[in-house]
Amino acid sequence: MSHIAHDLIARGDARVVAQPTASASAPASARHQVEVDRNFGLPSALYGATIACYLGFLVIVGSAFANPVLAIPMAIIVLLIAAGFGVPAIWTRLKGNVSEPETIGEFEALGIMTNTGRLSAGEATAQVLILPVLLVIWGLAVAVIAAIVA
């Protein structure tokens, strides 16, 4: 509203009416203005690939720098990855969520709508997996450098 209702009422410009009651022909029903959609719009395989890249990085670095002192930090990082992907996965399965994640076929056919426009499946996959894949490549590079130097 562009005007405050109290000012309109005080000036006499507003008309105050009683709340309408439900009739037998049109009973009042609960009106949901927001459709519950807890889906993130991407197929589950992309999330699985992201998790695999993050855990793969930890395996590469953990095996390259094997040290008992690293056991606790690595376990904490694994728990953080599990929580970071597990909580949203549980959230999408809560009661009242009627949407399902897209299948790979639907994703390839439709792509995904973003804030800046529609992306094809390949473009969206590249955007989602670029950081995790670069992280794995970086882990391999660090492991190779450590092996050469040692």
C-alpha atoms as a PDB file:
ATOM      1  CA  MET A   1       0.000   0.000   0.000  1.00  0.00           C
ATOM      2  CA  SER A   2       1.240   3.464  -0.758  1.00  0.00           C
ATOM      3  CA  HIS A   3      -0.653   5.154   2.085  1.00  0.00           C
ATOM      4  CA  ILE A   4      -0.868   4.253   5.724  1.00  0.00           C
ATOM      5  CA  ALA A   5      -4.367   2.994   6.522  1.00  0.00           C
ATOM      6  CA  HIS A   6      -4.625   4.955   9.776  1.00  0.00           C
ATOM      7  CA  ASP A   7      -4.233   8.265   7.934  1.00  0.00           C
ATOM      8  CA  LEU A   8      -6.940   7.300   5.460  1.00  0.00           C
ATOM      9  CA  ILE A   9      -9.313   6.307   8.251  1.00  0.00           C
ATOM     10  CA  ALA A  10      -8.622   9.548  10.172  1.00  0.00           C
ATOM     11  CA  ARG A  11      -9.373  11.681   7.106  1.00  0.00           C
ATOM     12  CA  GLY A  12     -12.532   9.729   6.392  1.00  0.00           C
ATOM     13  CA  ASP A  13     -11.273   8.546   3.001  1.00  0.00           C
ATOM     14  CA  ALA A  14     -11.248   4.877   3.955  1.00  0.00           C
ATOM     15  CA  ARG A  15     -14.250   2.641   4.115  1.00  0.00           C
ATOM     16  CA  VAL A  16     -14.185   0.126   6.950  1.00  0.00           C
ATOM     17  CA  VAL A  17     -16.292  -2.970   6.344  1.00  0.00           C
ATOM     18  CA  ALA A  18     -16.907  -6.125   8.346  1.00  0.00           C
ATOM     19  CA  GLN A  19     -15.045  -9.299   7.529  1.00  0.00           C
ATOM     20  CA  PRO A  20     -17.043 -11.431   5.087  1.00  0.00           C
ATOM     21  CA  THR A  21     -18.441 -14.669   6.462  1.00  0.00           C
ATOM     22  CA  ALA A  22     -18.445 -18.010   4.726  1.00  0.00           C
ATOM     23  CA  SER A  23     -21.733 -19.075   3.235  1.00  0.00           C
ATOM     24  CA  ALA A  24     -23.016 -22.598   2.708  1.00  0.00           C
ATOM     25  CA  SER A  25     -22.421 -22.327  -1.054  1.00  0.00           C
ATOM     26  CA  ALA A  26     -18.837 -21.045  -0.675  1.00  0.00           C
ATOM     27  CA  PRO A  27     -17.283 -22.338   2.549  1.00  0.00           C
ATOM     28  CA  ALA A  28     -14.097 -20.702   3.710  1.00  0.00           C
ATOM     29  CA  SER A  29     -11.017 -22.806   3.195  1.00  0.00           C
ATOM     30  CA  ALA A  30      -7.435 -22.393   4.113  1.00  0.00           C
ATOM     31  CA  ARG A  31      -5.624 -20.396   1.477  1.00  0.00           C
ATOM     32  CA  HIS A  32      -1.952 -21.085   0.943  1.00  0.00           C
ATOM     33  CA  GLN A  33      -0.312 -18.191  -0.819  1.00  0.00           C
ATOM     34  CA  VAL A  34       3.079 -19.851  -1.068  1.00  0.00           C
ATOM     35  CA  GLU A  35       3.561 -23.220  -2.686  1.00  0.00           C
ATOM     36  CA  VAL A  36       5.984 -25.326  -0.677  1.00  0.00           C
ATOM     37  CA  ASP A  37       8.910 -26.154  -2.924  1.00  0.00           C
ATOM     38  CA  ARG A  38      12.035 -27.197  -1.097  1.00  0.00           C
ATOM     39  CA  ASN A  39      13.647 -28.620  -4.196  1.00  0.00           C
ATOM     40  CA  PHE A  40      16.812 -26.946  -5.433  1.00  0.00           C
ATOM     41  CA  GLY A  41      16.076 -27.576  -9.109  1.00  0.00           C
ATOM     42  CA  LEU A  42      19.050 -29.794  -9.894  1.00  0.00           C
ATOM     43  CA  PRO A  43      19.224 -33.573 -10.226  1.00  0.00           C
ATOM     44  CA  SER A  44      20.609 -35.524  -7.294  1.00  0.00           C
ATOM     45  CA  ALA A  45      23.483 -36.805  -9.436  1.00  0.00           C
ATOM     46  CA  LEU A  46      25.069 -33.334  -9.475  1.00  0.00           C
ATOM     47  CA  TYR A  47      25.024 -33.209  -5.695  1.00  0.00           C
ATOM     48  CA  GLY A  48      26.516 -36.695  -5.582  1.00  0.00           C
ATOM     49  CA  ALA A  49      29.299 -35.649  -7.972  1.00  0.00           C
ATOM     50  CA  THR A  50      30.022 -32.593  -5.823  1.00  0.00           C
ATOM     51  CA  ILE A  51      30.237 -34.724  -2.679  1.00  0.00           C
ATOM     52  CA  ALA A  52      32.479 -37.219  -4.500  1.00  0.00           C
ATOM     53  CA  CYS A  53      34.853 -34.424  -5.557  1.00  0.00           C
ATOM     54  CA  TYR A  54      35.068 -32.986  -2.031  1.00  0.00           C
ATOM     55  CA  LEU A  55      35.665 -36.392  -0.468  1.00  0.00           C
ATOM     56  CA  GLY A  56      38.091 -37.270  -3.278  1.00  0.00           C
ATOM     57  CA  PHE A  57      40.120 -34.175  -2.429  1.00  0.00           C
ATOM     58  CA  LEU A  58      40.266 -35.283   1.194  1.00  0.00           C
ATOM     59  CA  VAL A  59      41.395 -38.786   0.194  1.00  0.00           C
ATOM     60  CA  ILE A  60      44.126 -37.376  -2.088  1.00  0.00           C
ATOM     61  CA  VAL A  61      45.453 -34.927   0.491  1.00  0.00           C
ATOM     62  CA  GLY A  62      45.031 -37.373   3.364  1.00  0.00           C
ATOM     63  CA  SER A  63      46.981 -40.081   1.580  1.00  0.00           C
ATOM     64  CA  ALA A  64      49.674 -37.683   0.342  1.00  0.00           C
ATOM     65  CA  PHE A  65      50.276 -36.248   3.802  1.00  0.00           C
ATOM     66  CA  ALA A  66      49.414 -39.315   5.878  1.00  0.00           C
ATOM     67  CA  ASN A  67      49.885 -38.393   9.496  1.00  0.00           C
ATOM     68  CA  PRO A  68      47.962 -39.525  12.575  1.00  0.00           C
ATOM     69  CA  VAL A  69      47.659 -35.893  13.655  1.00  0.00           C
ATOM     70  CA  LEU A  70      45.440 -35.220  10.613  1.00  0.00           C
ATOM     71  CA  ALA A  71      42.846 -37.846  11.579  1.00  0.00           C
ATOM     72  CA  ILE A  72      40.710 -35.548  13.724  1.00  0.00           C
ATOM     73  CA  PRO A  73      40.704 -32.565  11.303  1.00  0.00           C
ATOM     74  CA  MET A  74      39.859 -34.889   8.395  1.00  0.00           C
ATOM     75  CA  ALA A  75      37.018 -36.463  10.390  1.00  0.00           C
ATOM     76  CA  ILE A  76      35.671 -33.006  11.238  1.00  0.00           C
ATOM     77  CA  ILE A  77      35.793 -31.964   7.571  1.00  0.00           C
ATOM     78  CA  VAL A  78      33.983 -35.164   6.537  1.00  0.00           C
ATOM     79  CA  LEU A  79      31.291 -34.440   9.141  1.00  0.00           C
ATOM     80  CA  LEU A  80      30.944 -30.872   7.849  1.00  0.00           C
ATOM     81  CA  ILE A  81      30.539 -32.114   4.278  1.00  0.00           C
ATOM     82  CA  ALA A  82      27.962 -34.663   5.440  1.00  0.00           C
ATOM     83  CA  ALA A  83      26.068 -31.970   7.351  1.00  0.00           C
ATOM     84  CA  GLY A  84      26.350 -29.455   4.519  1.00  0.00           C
ATOM     85  CA  PHE A  85      24.699 -31.831   2.082  1.00  0.00           C
ATOM     86  CA  GLY A  86      22.706 -33.985   4.521  1.00  0.00           C
ATOM     87  CA  VAL A  87      20.658 -31.227   6.161  1.00  0.00           C
ATOM     88  CA  PRO A  88      19.374 -29.837   2.826  1.00  0.00           C
ATOM     89  CA  ALA A  89      18.652 -33.399   1.679  1.00  0.00           C
ATOM     90  CA  ILE A  90      16.533 -33.963   4.789  1.00  0.00           C
ATOM     91  CA  TRP A  91      14.935 -30.528   4.315  1.00  0.00           C
ATOM     92  CA  THR A  92      13.727 -31.472   0.817  1.00  0.00           C
ATOM     93  CA  ARG A  93      11.961 -34.531   2.249  1.00  0.00           C
ATOM     94  CA  LEU A  94       9.975 -32.729   4.948  1.00  0.00           C
ATOM     95  CA  LYS A  95       6.204 -33.097   5.173  1.00  0.00           C
ATOM     96  CA  GLY A  96       4.321 -30.893   2.748  1.00  0.00           C
ATOM     97  CA  ASN A  97       6.978 -30.793   0.032  1.00  0.00           C
ATOM     98  CA  VAL A  98       5.282 -32.055  -3.100  1.00  0.00           C
ATOM     99  CA  SER A  99       8.110 -31.375  -5.534  1.00  0.00           C
ATOM    100  CA  GLU A 100      10.596 -34.006  -6.644  1.00  0.00           C
ATOM    101  CA  PRO A 101      14.143 -33.407  -7.897  1.00  0.00           C
ATOM    102  CA  GLU A 102      14.517 -33.417 -11.661  1.00  0.00           C
ATOM    103  CA  THR A 103      15.761 -36.542 -13.337  1.00  0.00           C
ATOM    104  CA  ILE A 104      18.828 -36.373 -15.560  1.00  0.00           C
ATOM    105  CA  GLY A 105      16.582 -36.641 -18.644  1.00  0.00           C
ATOM    106  CA  GLU A 106      14.371 -33.754 -17.540  1.00  0.00           C
ATOM    107  CA  PHE A 107      17.437 -31.713 -16.677  1.00  0.00           C
ATOM    108  CA  GLU A 108      18.986 -32.344 -20.105  1.00  0.00           C
ATOM    109  CA  ALA A 109      15.740 -31.470 -21.876  1.00  0.00           C
ATOM    110  CA  LEU A 110      14.746 -28.380 -19.885  1.00  0.00           C
ATOM    111  CA  GLY A 111      17.907 -27.015 -18.303  1.00  0.00           C
ATOM    112  CA  ILE A 112      17.368 -24.692 -15.361  1.00  0.00           C
ATOM    113  CA  MET A 113      16.088 -21.152 -14.973  1.00  0.00           C
ATOM    114  CA  THR A 114      18.458 -18.868 -13.102  1.00  0.00           C
ATOM    115  CA  ASN A 115      18.282 -15.240 -12.107  1.00  0.00           C
ATOM    116  CA  THR A 116      20.112 -14.251 -15.302  1.00  0.00           C
ATOM    117  CA  GLY A 117      18.235 -16.542 -17.688  1.00  0.00           C
ATOM    118  CA  ARG A 118      17.861 -20.169 -18.705  1.00  0.00           C
ATOM    119  CA  LEU A 119      20.934 -22.383 -18.682  1.00  0.00           C
ATOM    120  CA  SER A 120      21.303 -25.609 -20.597  1.00  0.00           C
ATOM    121  CA  ALA A 121      22.207 -28.759 -18.712  1.00  0.00           C
ATOM    122  CA  GLY A 122      25.850 -28.531 -19.756  1.00  0.00           C
ATOM    123  CA  GLU A 123      26.182 -24.893 -18.716  1.00  0.00           C
ATOM    124  CA  ALA A 124      24.546 -25.533 -15.343  1.00  0.00           C
ATOM    125  CA  THR A 125      26.668 -28.633 -14.750  1.00  0.00           C
ATOM    126  CA  ALA A 126      29.826 -26.656 -15.533  1.00  0.00           C
ATOM    127  CA  GLN A 127      28.825 -23.949 -13.067  1.00  0.00           C
ATOM    128  CA  VAL A 128      27.996 -26.436 -10.319  1.00  0.00           C
ATOM    129  CA  LEU A 129      31.058 -28.666 -10.714  1.00  0.00           C
ATOM    130  CA  ILE A 130      33.797 -26.164 -11.628  1.00  0.00           C
ATOM    131  CA  LEU A 131      34.910 -25.527  -8.046  1.00  0.00           C
ATOM    132  CA  PRO A 132      34.824 -29.159  -6.842  1.00  0.00           C
ATOM    133  CA  VAL A 133      36.731 -30.369  -9.926  1.00  0.00           C
ATOM    134  CA  LEU A 134      39.326 -27.597  -9.561  1.00  0.00           C
ATOM    135  CA  LEU A 135      39.691 -28.578  -5.915  1.00  0.00           C
ATOM    136  CA  VAL A 136      40.485 -32.176  -6.897  1.00  0.00           C
ATOM    137  CA  ILE A 137      42.993 -30.960  -9.515  1.00  0.00           C
ATOM    138  CA  TRP A 138      44.607 -28.702  -6.919  1.00  0.00           C
ATOM    139  CA  GLY A 139      44.845 -31.611  -4.475  1.00  0.00           C
ATOM    140  CA  LEU A 140      46.516 -33.741  -7.148  1.00  0.00           C
ATOM    141  CA  ALA A 141      48.953 -30.927  -7.962  1.00  0.00           C
ATOM    142  CA  VAL A 142      49.861 -30.465  -4.294  1.00  0.00           C
ATOM    143  CA  ALA A 143      50.328 -34.221  -3.865  1.00  0.00           C
ATOM    144  CA  VAL A 144      52.579 -34.415  -6.944  1.00  0.00           C
ATOM    145  CA  ILE A 145      54.646 -31.429  -5.804  1.00  0.00           C
ATOM    146  CA  ALA A 146      55.014 -32.937  -2.316  1.00  0.00           C
ATOM    147  CA  ALA A 147      56.098 -36.256  -3.815  1.00  0.00           C
ATOM    148  CA  ILE A 148      58.691 -34.603  -6.064  1.00  0.00           C
ATOM    149  CA  VAL A 149      60.109 -32.450  -3.286  1.00  0.00           C
ATOM    150  CA  ALA A 150      60.288 -35.315  -0.784  1.00  0.00           C
END
